[in-house]
Amino acid sequence: MSDKNNTLRHGHVFSPESRAYFAWQEGKLDTGALNQREAGKFFPATASGLRDAIAADDVVNSTPPADGQIASAGQATGKFLDTPGSDWKKHDVKSGETLTVSWNYSAVHLTRRWNYFMTRQNWDPSQPLSRAQFEEQPFHMVQLNEQPFWSHNNALRPPQPTVHDMILPERTGYHVMLAVWEVADTGNAFYQVVDLDFK
């Protein structure tokens, strides 16, 4: 499954289907583009050159995606993923229930964490996804603390697939979950948005 010669083919959320995964199923993205939602880590930060708060020896971050380019991670091949509106395919969920999120990788990186953010209660779907639309802190995080990364290849290499169970926050109606896979041995992360309809 690893493709070390293509640095832009790395991973995606396939369950529940992310916006990019639905687009891949519909033939709007090829497999490489599905896995290349890649930009600098440490969202919601906007600056590059930052060190990890718990692992100072990790590679400093590249520039995180700009507001309005979060769903595409600034990659031109998936620019349509940033289109505002509520017409995206959604998954029916309920506040307080357990959501199981599964990642698949085409190239496995040494990993520091996965963060899961939710749009604010009063967000506006007619506007592009931006930092102001999301809660500042993730509602769920899975973090791997072993360091330095080069001495812990096995501990920091995520299983294939990677599965996380999380309790959904209190919400009503349409919301967007942002799943971010942060890598220890590069400056990047992988961004996947999942459209949810809270019943």
N, C-alpha and C. Protein backbone atom coordinates (compact mmCIF):
# COMPACT_ATOMS: atom_id res chain seq x y z
N MET A 1 0.82 -1.21 0.00
CA MET A 1 0.00 0.00 0.00
C MET A 1 0.85 1.27 0.00
N SER A 2 2.11 1.14 0.43
CA SER A 2 2.95 2.33 0.52
C SER A 2 3.39 2.79 -0.86
N ASP A 3 3.46 4.10 -1.04
CA ASP A 3 3.93 4.67 -2.31
C ASP A 3 4.92 5.77 -1.97
N LYS A 4 6.18 5.37 -1.76
CA LYS A 4 7.18 6.32 -1.28
C LYS A 4 7.62 7.30 -2.37
N ASN A 5 7.29 7.03 -3.61
CA ASN A 5 7.72 7.91 -4.69
C ASN A 5 6.73 9.04 -4.97
N ASN A 6 5.58 9.01 -4.34
CA ASN A 6 4.57 10.05 -4.57
C ASN A 6 4.23 10.68 -3.23
N THR A 7 4.84 11.83 -2.96
CA THR A 7 4.70 12.44 -1.64
C THR A 7 3.32 13.04 -1.43
N LEU A 8 2.47 13.05 -2.47
CA LEU A 8 1.14 13.62 -2.31
C LEU A 8 0.05 12.56 -2.21
N ARG A 9 0.42 11.31 -1.98
CA ARG A 9 -0.60 10.27 -1.88
C ARG A 9 -0.48 9.63 -0.51
N HIS A 10 -1.35 10.02 0.41
CA HIS A 10 -1.12 9.62 1.78
C HIS A 10 -2.29 9.01 2.53
N GLY A 11 -3.47 9.64 2.59
CA GLY A 11 -4.54 9.03 3.37
C GLY A 11 -5.84 9.80 3.32
N HIS A 12 -6.92 9.10 3.75
CA HIS A 12 -8.24 9.70 3.73
C HIS A 12 -9.15 9.01 4.75
N VAL A 13 -10.26 9.67 5.08
CA VAL A 13 -11.31 9.09 5.89
C VAL A 13 -12.32 8.42 4.95
N PHE A 14 -12.52 7.10 5.16
CA PHE A 14 -13.47 6.39 4.29
C PHE A 14 -14.75 6.01 5.01
N SER A 15 -14.76 6.08 6.35
CA SER A 15 -15.98 5.80 7.10
C SER A 15 -16.04 6.66 8.35
N PRO A 16 -17.08 7.49 8.49
CA PRO A 16 -18.10 7.77 7.48
C PRO A 16 -17.45 8.46 6.28
N GLU A 17 -18.01 8.30 5.12
CA GLU A 17 -17.39 8.84 3.91
C GLU A 17 -17.17 10.34 4.03
N SER A 18 -15.93 10.76 3.78
CA SER A 18 -15.62 12.19 3.78
C SER A 18 -16.13 12.82 2.49
N ARG A 19 -16.13 14.12 2.45
CA ARG A 19 -16.53 14.85 1.25
C ARG A 19 -15.65 14.43 0.07
N ALA A 20 -14.35 14.28 0.32
CA ALA A 20 -13.43 13.86 -0.74
C ALA A 20 -13.69 12.42 -1.16
N TYR A 21 -14.03 11.56 -0.21
CA TYR A 21 -14.30 10.16 -0.54
C TYR A 21 -15.55 10.03 -1.41
N PHE A 22 -16.60 10.77 -1.08
CA PHE A 22 -17.79 10.79 -1.93
C PHE A 22 -17.42 11.26 -3.34
N ALA A 23 -16.58 12.30 -3.43
CA ALA A 23 -16.17 12.81 -4.75
C ALA A 23 -15.39 11.76 -5.53
N TRP A 24 -14.55 10.99 -4.83
CA TRP A 24 -13.82 9.90 -5.47
C TRP A 24 -14.78 8.84 -5.99
N GLN A 25 -15.79 8.48 -5.17
CA GLN A 25 -16.77 7.49 -5.60
C GLN A 25 -17.52 7.94 -6.85
N GLU A 26 -17.72 9.25 -6.97
CA GLU A 26 -18.46 9.81 -8.10
C GLU A 26 -17.56 10.10 -9.30
N GLY A 27 -16.27 9.79 -9.20
CA GLY A 27 -15.35 10.00 -10.30
C GLY A 27 -14.85 11.42 -10.45
N LYS A 28 -15.08 12.26 -9.44
CA LYS A 28 -14.64 13.66 -9.51
C LYS A 28 -13.20 13.84 -9.04
N LEU A 29 -12.68 12.86 -8.31
CA LEU A 29 -11.28 12.85 -7.88
C LEU A 29 -10.70 11.48 -8.20
N ASP A 30 -9.44 11.43 -8.63
CA ASP A 30 -8.78 10.14 -8.76
C ASP A 30 -8.21 9.74 -7.40
N THR A 31 -7.65 8.55 -7.32
CA THR A 31 -7.19 8.04 -6.03
C THR A 31 -6.08 8.91 -5.45
N GLY A 32 -5.18 9.38 -6.31
CA GLY A 32 -4.13 10.26 -5.82
C GLY A 32 -4.68 11.53 -5.21
N ALA A 33 -5.65 12.14 -5.90
CA ALA A 33 -6.24 13.38 -5.40
C ALA A 33 -7.04 13.14 -4.13
N LEU A 34 -7.69 11.98 -4.01
CA LEU A 34 -8.41 11.64 -2.78
C LEU A 34 -7.49 11.71 -1.57
N ASN A 35 -6.26 11.23 -1.75
CA ASN A 35 -5.32 11.12 -0.64
C ASN A 35 -4.42 12.33 -0.46
N GLN A 36 -4.56 13.34 -1.30
CA GLN A 36 -3.61 14.45 -1.23
C GLN A 36 -4.23 15.72 -0.63
N ARG A 37 -5.14 15.58 0.30
CA ARG A 37 -5.66 16.76 1.02
C ARG A 37 -4.60 17.16 2.05
N GLU A 38 -3.46 17.63 1.58
CA GLU A 38 -2.26 17.84 2.40
C GLU A 38 -1.88 19.31 2.47
N ALA A 39 -1.63 19.79 3.69
CA ALA A 39 -1.13 21.15 3.92
C ALA A 39 -0.40 21.15 5.26
N GLY A 40 0.09 22.31 5.66
CA GLY A 40 0.82 22.39 6.91
C GLY A 40 -0.02 21.97 8.12
N LYS A 41 0.65 21.40 9.11
CA LYS A 41 -0.03 20.93 10.32
C LYS A 41 -0.25 22.08 11.31
N PHE A 42 -0.92 21.76 12.40
CA PHE A 42 -1.22 22.63 13.55
C PHE A 42 -2.42 23.55 13.33
N PHE A 43 -3.37 23.18 12.44
CA PHE A 43 -4.64 23.90 12.39
C PHE A 43 -5.20 24.00 13.81
N PRO A 44 -5.72 25.17 14.23
CA PRO A 44 -6.08 26.36 13.44
C PRO A 44 -4.98 27.42 13.30
N ALA A 45 -3.73 27.07 13.60
CA ALA A 45 -2.64 28.03 13.37
C ALA A 45 -2.61 28.43 11.90
N THR A 46 -2.07 29.61 11.63
CA THR A 46 -1.94 30.09 10.25
C THR A 46 -0.48 30.23 9.83
N ALA A 47 0.44 30.25 10.79
CA ALA A 47 1.85 30.48 10.50
C ALA A 47 2.59 29.16 10.26
N SER A 48 3.71 29.25 9.54
CA SER A 48 4.60 28.11 9.36
C SER A 48 5.80 28.25 10.28
N GLY A 49 6.62 27.20 10.35
CA GLY A 49 7.82 27.24 11.17
C GLY A 49 7.59 27.00 12.65
N LEU A 50 6.39 26.52 13.02
CA LEU A 50 6.06 26.29 14.43
C LEU A 50 6.49 24.89 14.86
N ARG A 51 6.89 24.80 16.13
CA ARG A 51 7.27 23.50 16.70
C ARG A 51 6.08 22.87 17.41
N ASP A 52 6.08 21.55 17.48
CA ASP A 52 5.02 20.84 18.17
C ASP A 52 5.08 21.15 19.66
N ALA A 53 3.93 21.37 20.27
CA ALA A 53 3.87 21.77 21.67
C ALA A 53 4.37 20.69 22.61
N ILE A 54 4.26 19.42 22.23
CA ILE A 54 4.71 18.34 23.12
C ILE A 54 5.92 17.60 22.59
N ALA A 55 6.31 17.85 21.35
CA ALA A 55 7.41 17.12 20.72
C ALA A 55 8.26 18.09 19.90
N ALA A 56 9.16 18.77 20.59
CA ALA A 56 9.93 19.84 19.96
C ALA A 56 10.85 19.35 18.86
N ASP A 57 11.17 18.04 18.85
CA ASP A 57 12.05 17.50 17.82
C ASP A 57 11.32 17.10 16.54
N ASP A 58 9.99 17.14 16.55
CA ASP A 58 9.25 16.87 15.31
C ASP A 58 9.59 17.94 14.28
N VAL A 59 9.40 17.62 13.01
CA VAL A 59 9.63 18.59 11.94
C VAL A 59 8.68 19.77 12.12
N VAL A 60 9.21 21.00 11.99
CA VAL A 60 8.36 22.19 12.12
C VAL A 60 7.32 22.20 11.01
N ASN A 61 6.25 22.95 11.23
CA ASN A 61 5.14 22.88 10.28
C ASN A 61 5.35 23.73 9.04
N SER A 62 4.75 23.28 7.96
CA SER A 62 4.57 24.10 6.76
C SER A 62 3.34 24.98 6.97
N THR A 63 2.98 25.76 5.98
CA THR A 63 1.85 26.68 6.13
C THR A 63 0.53 25.92 6.11
N PRO A 64 -0.30 26.05 7.16
CA PRO A 64 -1.61 25.41 7.16
C PRO A 64 -2.52 25.99 6.08
N PRO A 65 -3.61 25.29 5.76
CA PRO A 65 -4.49 25.78 4.70
C PRO A 65 -5.13 27.12 5.06
N ALA A 66 -5.31 27.96 4.06
CA ALA A 66 -5.95 29.26 4.26
C ALA A 66 -7.44 29.08 4.49
N ASP A 67 -8.06 30.05 5.15
CA ASP A 67 -9.51 30.06 5.25
C ASP A 67 -10.11 30.02 3.84
N GLY A 68 -11.17 29.28 3.70
CA GLY A 68 -11.78 29.11 2.38
C GLY A 68 -11.16 28.00 1.56
N GLN A 69 -10.06 27.39 2.08
CA GLN A 69 -9.40 26.29 1.37
C GLN A 69 -9.17 25.10 2.29
N ILE A 70 -9.98 24.98 3.32
CA ILE A 70 -9.76 23.95 4.33
C ILE A 70 -10.14 22.57 3.81
N ALA A 71 -11.27 22.45 3.13
CA ALA A 71 -11.71 21.14 2.64
C ALA A 71 -10.77 20.60 1.58
N SER A 72 -10.22 21.47 0.75
CA SER A 72 -9.29 21.04 -0.30
C SER A 72 -7.86 20.98 0.19
N ALA A 73 -7.59 21.54 1.38
CA ALA A 73 -6.24 21.71 1.90
C ALA A 73 -5.38 22.53 0.95
N GLY A 74 -6.03 23.37 0.15
CA GLY A 74 -5.30 24.24 -0.76
C GLY A 74 -4.80 23.54 -2.01
N GLN A 75 -5.20 22.28 -2.22
CA GLN A 75 -4.77 21.54 -3.40
C GLN A 75 -5.70 21.84 -4.57
N ALA A 76 -5.13 22.23 -5.70
CA ALA A 76 -5.93 22.65 -6.85
C ALA A 76 -6.85 21.55 -7.36
N THR A 77 -6.41 20.29 -7.25
CA THR A 77 -7.22 19.19 -7.79
C THR A 77 -8.56 19.04 -7.10
N GLY A 78 -8.67 19.53 -5.87
CA GLY A 78 -9.93 19.38 -5.15
C GLY A 78 -10.55 20.69 -4.76
N LYS A 79 -10.28 21.74 -5.53
CA LYS A 79 -10.76 23.07 -5.17
C LYS A 79 -12.28 23.11 -5.01
N PHE A 80 -12.99 22.31 -5.78
CA PHE A 80 -14.46 22.30 -5.69
C PHE A 80 -14.95 21.85 -4.32
N LEU A 81 -14.11 21.14 -3.56
CA LEU A 81 -14.49 20.70 -2.22
C LEU A 81 -14.74 21.87 -1.28
N ASP A 82 -14.21 23.03 -1.62
CA ASP A 82 -14.37 24.23 -0.78
C ASP A 82 -15.66 24.99 -1.06
N THR A 83 -16.47 24.53 -2.01
CA THR A 83 -17.70 25.24 -2.37
C THR A 83 -18.63 25.35 -1.16
N PRO A 84 -19.04 26.58 -0.79
CA PRO A 84 -19.98 26.73 0.34
C PRO A 84 -21.35 26.16 -0.01
N GLY A 85 -22.16 25.96 1.02
CA GLY A 85 -23.52 25.48 0.81
C GLY A 85 -23.80 24.22 1.60
N SER A 86 -25.06 23.82 1.59
CA SER A 86 -25.49 22.67 2.38
C SER A 86 -25.95 21.51 1.50
N ASP A 87 -25.49 21.49 0.24
CA ASP A 87 -25.92 20.45 -0.70
C ASP A 87 -25.03 19.21 -0.68
N TRP A 88 -24.02 19.18 0.18
CA TRP A 88 -23.13 18.03 0.25
C TRP A 88 -23.87 16.82 0.83
N LYS A 89 -23.44 15.61 0.42
CA LYS A 89 -24.00 14.40 1.01
C LYS A 89 -23.66 14.36 2.50
N LYS A 90 -24.65 14.05 3.32
CA LYS A 90 -24.48 14.10 4.77
C LYS A 90 -24.76 12.74 5.41
N HIS A 91 -24.20 12.57 6.60
CA HIS A 91 -24.46 11.39 7.41
C HIS A 91 -25.36 11.78 8.57
N ASP A 92 -26.44 11.04 8.78
CA ASP A 92 -27.34 11.30 9.90
C ASP A 92 -26.69 10.84 11.20
N VAL A 93 -26.63 11.73 12.18
CA VAL A 93 -26.03 11.43 13.48
C VAL A 93 -26.89 12.06 14.57
N LYS A 94 -26.54 11.76 15.83
CA LYS A 94 -27.21 12.36 16.97
C LYS A 94 -26.18 12.86 17.97
N SER A 95 -26.48 13.96 18.62
CA SER A 95 -25.60 14.49 19.66
C SER A 95 -25.40 13.44 20.75
N GLY A 96 -24.17 13.32 21.23
CA GLY A 96 -23.88 12.41 22.32
C GLY A 96 -23.67 10.97 21.92
N GLU A 97 -23.92 10.63 20.66
CA GLU A 97 -23.70 9.25 20.24
C GLU A 97 -22.24 9.05 19.86
N THR A 98 -21.82 7.79 19.80
CA THR A 98 -20.46 7.46 19.40
C THR A 98 -20.36 7.39 17.89
N LEU A 99 -19.42 8.14 17.34
CA LEU A 99 -19.12 8.10 15.91
C LEU A 99 -17.79 7.38 15.74
N THR A 100 -17.76 6.39 14.87
CA THR A 100 -16.53 5.67 14.56
C THR A 100 -15.97 6.19 13.25
N VAL A 101 -14.74 6.69 13.30
CA VAL A 101 -14.07 7.27 12.13
C VAL A 101 -12.91 6.37 11.73
N SER A 102 -12.84 6.03 10.45
CA SER A 102 -11.79 5.13 9.96
C SER A 102 -10.97 5.79 8.86
N TRP A 103 -9.65 5.71 9.00
CA TRP A 103 -8.70 6.24 8.02
C TRP A 103 -8.06 5.09 7.25
N ASN A 104 -7.81 5.32 5.97
CA ASN A 104 -7.01 4.43 5.14
C ASN A 104 -5.81 5.21 4.62
N TYR A 105 -4.67 4.53 4.52
CA TYR A 105 -3.43 5.21 4.11
C TYR A 105 -2.87 4.58 2.84
N SER A 106 -2.39 5.43 1.95
CA SER A 106 -1.64 4.95 0.79
C SER A 106 -0.14 5.10 1.01
N ALA A 107 0.25 5.92 1.98
CA ALA A 107 1.64 6.02 2.44
C ALA A 107 1.57 6.34 3.93
N VAL A 108 2.13 5.48 4.74
CA VAL A 108 2.02 5.65 6.19
C VAL A 108 3.18 6.48 6.71
N HIS A 109 2.86 7.53 7.45
CA HIS A 109 3.87 8.39 8.07
C HIS A 109 3.92 8.17 9.57
N LEU A 110 5.07 8.50 10.16
CA LEU A 110 5.15 8.53 11.61
C LEU A 110 4.24 9.64 12.10
N THR A 111 3.37 9.31 13.02
CA THR A 111 2.23 10.16 13.36
C THR A 111 2.36 10.74 14.76
N ARG A 112 1.93 12.00 14.91
CA ARG A 112 1.89 12.62 16.23
C ARG A 112 0.48 12.62 16.81
N ARG A 113 -0.51 12.96 15.97
CA ARG A 113 -1.89 12.99 16.50
C ARG A 113 -2.92 13.09 15.37
N TRP A 114 -4.16 12.83 15.78
CA TRP A 114 -5.34 13.11 14.96
C TRP A 114 -6.23 14.05 15.75
N ASN A 115 -6.63 15.14 15.14
CA ASN A 115 -7.55 16.10 15.76
C ASN A 115 -8.87 16.10 15.01
N TYR A 116 -9.95 16.24 15.77
CA TYR A 116 -11.29 16.29 15.18
C TYR A 116 -12.00 17.55 15.67
N PHE A 117 -12.30 18.44 14.73
CA PHE A 117 -12.95 19.72 15.03
C PHE A 117 -14.39 19.69 14.51
N MET A 118 -15.26 20.47 15.17
CA MET A 118 -16.65 20.60 14.72
C MET A 118 -16.97 22.06 14.50
N THR A 119 -17.82 22.32 13.51
CA THR A 119 -18.29 23.69 13.32
C THR A 119 -19.06 24.16 14.55
N ARG A 120 -19.04 25.48 14.75
CA ARG A 120 -19.73 26.08 15.90
C ARG A 120 -21.25 25.95 15.73
N GLN A 121 -21.96 26.09 16.84
CA GLN A 121 -23.42 26.00 16.80
C GLN A 121 -24.02 26.97 15.79
N ASN A 122 -23.48 28.19 15.73
CA ASN A 122 -24.08 29.24 14.91
C ASN A 122 -23.33 29.47 13.61
N TRP A 123 -22.66 28.44 13.09
CA TRP A 123 -21.89 28.62 11.87
C TRP A 123 -22.83 28.88 10.69
N ASP A 124 -22.27 29.39 9.61
CA ASP A 124 -23.06 29.77 8.44
C ASP A 124 -22.63 28.94 7.23
N PRO A 125 -23.41 27.93 6.83
CA PRO A 125 -23.01 27.08 5.71
C PRO A 125 -22.91 27.81 4.37
N SER A 126 -23.50 29.00 4.28
CA SER A 126 -23.43 29.74 3.01
C SER A 126 -22.09 30.42 2.82
N GLN A 127 -21.25 30.42 3.86
CA GLN A 127 -19.93 31.03 3.80
C GLN A 127 -18.86 29.95 3.68
N PRO A 128 -17.71 30.25 3.08
CA PRO A 128 -16.63 29.26 2.99
C PRO A 128 -16.18 28.80 4.38
N LEU A 129 -15.73 27.56 4.45
CA LEU A 129 -15.20 27.05 5.72
C LEU A 129 -13.97 27.85 6.12
N SER A 130 -13.98 28.33 7.35
CA SER A 130 -12.89 29.15 7.86
C SER A 130 -12.66 28.81 9.32
N ARG A 131 -11.57 29.32 9.88
CA ARG A 131 -11.30 29.09 11.29
C ARG A 131 -12.42 29.61 12.17
N ALA A 132 -13.02 30.73 11.78
CA ALA A 132 -14.11 31.30 12.57
C ALA A 132 -15.34 30.40 12.59
N GLN A 133 -15.46 29.51 11.61
CA GLN A 133 -16.62 28.62 11.54
C GLN A 133 -16.46 27.40 12.46
N PHE A 134 -15.22 27.09 12.84
CA PHE A 134 -14.95 25.91 13.67
C PHE A 134 -14.66 26.30 15.12
N GLU A 135 -14.98 25.38 16.03
CA GLU A 135 -14.52 25.53 17.41
C GLU A 135 -12.99 25.56 17.40
N GLU A 136 -12.42 26.35 18.30
CA GLU A 136 -10.97 26.51 18.31
C GLU A 136 -10.26 25.24 18.76
N GLN A 137 -10.88 24.49 19.67
CA GLN A 137 -10.28 23.27 20.19
C GLN A 137 -10.98 22.04 19.59
N PRO A 138 -10.23 20.98 19.34
CA PRO A 138 -10.87 19.76 18.84
C PRO A 138 -11.79 19.15 19.90
N PHE A 139 -12.89 18.56 19.47
CA PHE A 139 -13.76 17.87 20.41
C PHE A 139 -13.24 16.48 20.71
N HIS A 140 -12.29 16.00 19.89
CA HIS A 140 -11.67 14.70 20.14
C HIS A 140 -10.25 14.75 19.59
N MET A 141 -9.32 14.14 20.34
CA MET A 141 -7.93 14.07 19.90
C MET A 141 -7.35 12.72 20.30
N VAL A 142 -6.58 12.14 19.41
CA VAL A 142 -5.79 10.95 19.71
C VAL A 142 -4.34 11.33 19.48
N GLN A 143 -3.52 11.22 20.53
CA GLN A 143 -2.13 11.70 20.46
C GLN A 143 -1.17 10.57 20.81
N LEU A 144 -0.07 10.51 20.07
CA LEU A 144 1.00 9.56 20.34
C LEU A 144 2.18 10.34 20.91
N ASN A 145 2.62 9.97 22.10
CA ASN A 145 3.57 10.80 22.85
C ASN A 145 5.03 10.39 22.70
N GLU A 146 5.31 9.25 22.06
CA GLU A 146 6.69 8.78 21.98
C GLU A 146 7.56 9.75 21.18
N GLN A 147 8.75 9.99 21.68
CA GLN A 147 9.69 10.89 21.00
C GLN A 147 11.11 10.60 21.47
N PRO A 148 12.10 10.99 20.64
CA PRO A 148 11.98 11.61 19.31
C PRO A 148 11.42 10.63 18.29
N PHE A 149 10.81 11.15 17.24
CA PHE A 149 10.08 10.28 16.31
C PHE A 149 10.98 9.26 15.64
N TRP A 150 12.26 9.60 15.41
CA TRP A 150 13.14 8.69 14.68
C TRP A 150 13.54 7.47 15.50
N SER A 151 13.26 7.50 16.79
CA SER A 151 13.58 6.35 17.65
C SER A 151 12.36 5.49 17.95
N HIS A 152 11.21 5.84 17.37
CA HIS A 152 9.96 5.14 17.71
C HIS A 152 9.15 4.83 16.45
N ASN A 153 9.81 4.24 15.45
CA ASN A 153 9.12 3.96 14.19
C ASN A 153 7.88 3.11 14.38
N ASN A 154 7.97 2.06 15.17
CA ASN A 154 6.83 1.16 15.33
C ASN A 154 5.70 1.81 16.11
N ALA A 155 6.03 2.50 17.18
CA ALA A 155 4.99 3.10 18.03
C ALA A 155 4.24 4.21 17.32
N LEU A 156 4.91 4.93 16.42
CA LEU A 156 4.29 6.08 15.76
C LEU A 156 3.73 5.76 14.38
N ARG A 157 3.83 4.50 13.98
CA ARG A 157 3.30 4.11 12.68
C ARG A 157 1.86 3.64 12.87
N PRO A 158 0.88 4.35 12.30
CA PRO A 158 -0.52 4.02 12.59
C PRO A 158 -0.94 2.71 11.95
N PRO A 159 -1.89 2.01 12.59
CA PRO A 159 -2.40 0.77 11.99
C PRO A 159 -3.22 1.07 10.74
N GLN A 160 -3.30 0.07 9.88
CA GLN A 160 -4.05 0.19 8.62
C GLN A 160 -5.24 -0.77 8.65
N PRO A 161 -6.49 -0.32 8.74
CA PRO A 161 -6.87 1.10 8.87
C PRO A 161 -6.71 1.57 10.31
N THR A 162 -6.81 2.87 10.52
CA THR A 162 -6.85 3.46 11.86
C THR A 162 -8.30 3.79 12.18
N VAL A 163 -8.77 3.34 13.35
CA VAL A 163 -10.17 3.51 13.74
C VAL A 163 -10.24 4.24 15.07
N HIS A 164 -11.02 5.31 15.11
CA HIS A 164 -11.22 6.10 16.33
C HIS A 164 -12.71 6.18 16.66
N ASP A 165 -13.04 5.96 17.93
CA ASP A 165 -14.40 6.17 18.42
C ASP A 165 -14.45 7.47 19.20
N MET A 166 -15.47 8.29 18.94
CA MET A 166 -15.57 9.59 19.61
C MET A 166 -17.02 9.92 19.91
N ILE A 167 -17.24 10.67 20.98
CA ILE A 167 -18.58 11.12 21.36
C ILE A 167 -18.85 12.45 20.68
N LEU A 168 -19.93 12.52 19.93
CA LEU A 168 -20.26 13.75 19.22
C LEU A 168 -20.77 14.82 20.17
N PRO A 169 -20.39 16.08 19.94
CA PRO A 169 -20.86 17.17 20.80
C PRO A 169 -22.33 17.51 20.51
N GLU A 170 -22.89 18.37 21.34
CA GLU A 170 -24.28 18.80 21.18
C GLU A 170 -24.40 19.73 19.98
N ARG A 171 -25.19 19.33 19.01
CA ARG A 171 -25.42 20.13 17.82
C ARG A 171 -26.83 19.85 17.29
N THR A 172 -27.30 20.74 16.41
CA THR A 172 -28.58 20.56 15.73
C THR A 172 -28.40 20.90 14.26
N GLY A 173 -28.95 20.06 13.39
CA GLY A 173 -28.91 20.35 11.97
C GLY A 173 -27.57 20.05 11.32
N TYR A 174 -27.29 20.76 10.23
CA TYR A 174 -26.11 20.50 9.41
C TYR A 174 -24.85 21.07 10.05
N HIS A 175 -23.82 20.23 10.16
CA HIS A 175 -22.51 20.65 10.65
C HIS A 175 -21.41 19.91 9.88
N VAL A 176 -20.21 20.44 9.98
CA VAL A 176 -19.05 19.86 9.31
C VAL A 176 -18.02 19.46 10.36
N MET A 177 -17.55 18.23 10.27
CA MET A 177 -16.44 17.76 11.10
C MET A 177 -15.18 17.82 10.26
N LEU A 178 -14.13 18.37 10.84
CA LEU A 178 -12.81 18.43 10.20
C LEU A 178 -11.89 17.45 10.91
N ALA A 179 -11.41 16.45 10.16
CA ALA A 179 -10.48 15.46 10.69
C ALA A 179 -9.09 15.79 10.17
N VAL A 180 -8.11 15.90 11.08
CA VAL A 180 -6.75 16.31 10.70
C VAL A 180 -5.76 15.28 11.24
N TRP A 181 -5.02 14.65 10.34
CA TRP A 181 -3.97 13.68 10.69
C TRP A 181 -2.63 14.41 10.64
N GLU A 182 -2.03 14.63 11.80
CA GLU A 182 -0.77 15.38 11.90
C GLU A 182 0.41 14.43 11.95
N VAL A 183 1.38 14.69 11.09
CA VAL A 183 2.54 13.83 10.91
C VAL A 183 3.72 14.37 11.71
N ALA A 184 4.51 13.47 12.32
CA ALA A 184 5.67 13.89 13.11
C ALA A 184 6.89 14.16 12.23
N ASP A 185 7.08 13.33 11.18
CA ASP A 185 8.33 13.38 10.42
C ASP A 185 8.27 14.24 9.17
N THR A 186 7.19 15.02 8.99
CA THR A 186 7.14 16.06 7.96
C THR A 186 6.45 17.27 8.58
N GLY A 187 6.38 18.36 7.82
CA GLY A 187 5.72 19.56 8.31
C GLY A 187 4.24 19.61 8.01
N ASN A 188 3.69 18.51 7.54
CA ASN A 188 2.33 18.53 7.01
C ASN A 188 1.33 17.72 7.82
N ALA A 189 0.07 17.94 7.47
CA ALA A 189 -1.06 17.17 7.98
C ALA A 189 -1.98 16.87 6.80
N PHE A 190 -2.94 15.99 7.03
CA PHE A 190 -3.91 15.62 6.00
C PHE A 190 -5.30 15.98 6.51
N TYR A 191 -6.05 16.66 5.65
CA TYR A 191 -7.32 17.28 6.02
C TYR A 191 -8.48 16.58 5.31
N GLN A 192 -9.48 16.17 6.10
CA GLN A 192 -10.68 15.54 5.56
C GLN A 192 -11.89 16.16 6.24
N VAL A 193 -12.86 16.60 5.47
CA VAL A 193 -14.10 17.10 6.06
C VAL A 193 -15.21 16.09 5.84
N VAL A 194 -16.05 15.95 6.87
CA VAL A 194 -17.17 15.01 6.86
C VAL A 194 -18.43 15.82 7.16
N ASP A 195 -19.42 15.70 6.30
CA ASP A 195 -20.66 16.47 6.45
C ASP A 195 -21.67 15.65 7.25
N LEU A 196 -22.19 16.26 8.31
CA LEU A 196 -23.07 15.57 9.26
C LEU A 196 -24.40 16.30 9.38
N ASP A 197 -25.46 15.54 9.58
CA ASP A 197 -26.79 16.11 9.84
C ASP A 197 -27.25 15.60 11.19
N PHE A 198 -27.22 16.49 12.20
CA PHE A 198 -27.61 16.12 13.55
C PHE A 198 -29.14 16.10 13.65
N LYS A 199 -29.70 14.95 13.97
CA LYS A 199 -31.15 14.77 14.05
C LYS A 199 -31.65 14.96 15.49
